[in-house]
Amino acid sequence: MVYAINMAKNKLYSNEI
């Protein structure tokens, strides 16, 4: 699902910061 992928991406970006 796109929602799940978006959530994973958001988590990765958040971890980068």
PDB file of N, CA and C in Angstrom:
ATOM      1  N   MET A   1       0.860  -1.212   0.000  1.00  0.00           N
ATOM      2  CA  MET A   1       0.000   0.000   0.000  1.00  0.00           C
ATOM      3  C   MET A   1       0.886   1.248   0.000  1.00  0.00           C
ATOM      4  N   VAL A   2       0.437   2.258  -0.674  1.00  0.00           N
ATOM      5  CA  VAL A   2       1.224   3.490  -0.744  1.00  0.00           C
ATOM      6  C   VAL A   2       1.362   4.106   0.645  1.00  0.00           C
ATOM      7  N   TYR A   3       0.290   4.008   1.440  1.00  0.00           N
ATOM      8  CA  TYR A   3       0.334   4.608   2.793  1.00  0.00           C
ATOM      9  C   TYR A   3       1.471   4.002   3.619  1.00  0.00           C
ATOM     10  N   ALA A   4       1.600   2.700   3.561  1.00  0.00           N
ATOM     11  CA  ALA A   4       2.665   2.029   4.338  1.00  0.00           C
ATOM     12  C   ALA A   4       4.035   2.495   3.855  1.00  0.00           C
ATOM     13  N   ILE A   5       4.216   2.555   2.551  1.00  0.00           N
ATOM     14  CA  ILE A   5       5.517   2.990   2.005  1.00  0.00           C
ATOM     15  C   ILE A   5       5.804   4.426   2.447  1.00  0.00           C
ATOM     16  N   ASN A   6       4.775   5.260   2.388  1.00  0.00           N
ATOM     17  CA  ASN A   6       4.963   6.653   2.789  1.00  0.00           C
ATOM     18  C   ASN A   6       5.391   6.727   4.248  1.00  0.00           C
ATOM     19  N   MET A   7       4.760   5.918   5.087  1.00  0.00           N
ATOM     20  CA  MET A   7       5.101   5.917   6.520  1.00  0.00           C
ATOM     21  C   MET A   7       6.561   5.501   6.707  1.00  0.00           C
ATOM     22  N   ALA A   8       6.976   4.462   6.026  1.00  0.00           N
ATOM     23  CA  ALA A   8       8.361   3.986   6.139  1.00  0.00           C
ATOM     24  C   ALA A   8       9.321   5.079   5.681  1.00  0.00           C
ATOM     25  N   LYS A   9       9.015   5.728   4.577  1.00  0.00           N
ATOM     26  CA  LYS A   9       9.878   6.803   4.066  1.00  0.00           C
ATOM     27  C   LYS A   9       9.965   7.923   5.096  1.00  0.00           C
ATOM     28  N   ASN A  10       8.810   8.298   5.643  1.00  0.00           N
ATOM     29  CA  ASN A  10       8.791   9.377   6.628  1.00  0.00           C
ATOM     30  C   ASN A  10       9.667   9.009   7.821  1.00  0.00           C
ATOM     31  N   LYS A  11       9.620   7.772   8.245  1.00  0.00           N
ATOM     32  CA  LYS A  11      10.417   7.331   9.398  1.00  0.00           C
ATOM     33  C   LYS A  11      11.908   7.438   9.050  1.00  0.00           C
ATOM     34  N   LEU A  12      12.258   7.022   7.837  1.00  0.00           N
ATOM     35  CA  LEU A  12      13.668   7.074   7.438  1.00  0.00           C
ATOM     36  C   LEU A  12      14.149   8.524   7.432  1.00  0.00           C
ATOM     37  N   TYR A  13      13.348   9.421   6.867  1.00  0.00           N
ATOM     38  CA  TYR A  13      13.738  10.827   6.820  1.00  0.00           C
ATOM     39  C   TYR A  13      13.871  11.392   8.225  1.00  0.00           C
ATOM     40  N   SER A  14      12.925  11.017   9.096  1.00  0.00           N
ATOM     41  CA  SER A  14      12.947  11.517  10.484  1.00  0.00           C
ATOM     42  C   SER A  14      14.221  11.035  11.172  1.00  0.00           C
ATOM     43  N   ASN A  15      14.607   9.800  10.908  1.00  0.00           N
ATOM     44  CA  ASN A  15      15.805   9.244  11.540  1.00  0.00           C
ATOM     45  C   ASN A  15      17.043   9.979  11.037  1.00  0.00           C
ATOM     46  N   GLU A  16      17.022  10.417   9.779  1.00  0.00           N
ATOM     47  CA  GLU A  16      18.178  11.106   9.209  1.00  0.00           C
ATOM     48  C   GLU A  16      18.421  12.423   9.938  1.00  0.00           C
ATOM     49  N   ILE A  17      17.346  13.104  10.290  1.00  0.00           N
ATOM     50  CA  ILE A  17      17.490  14.415  10.929  1.00  0.00           C
ATOM     51  C   ILE A  17      18.092  14.257  12.330  1.00  0.00           C
TER      52      ILE A  17
END
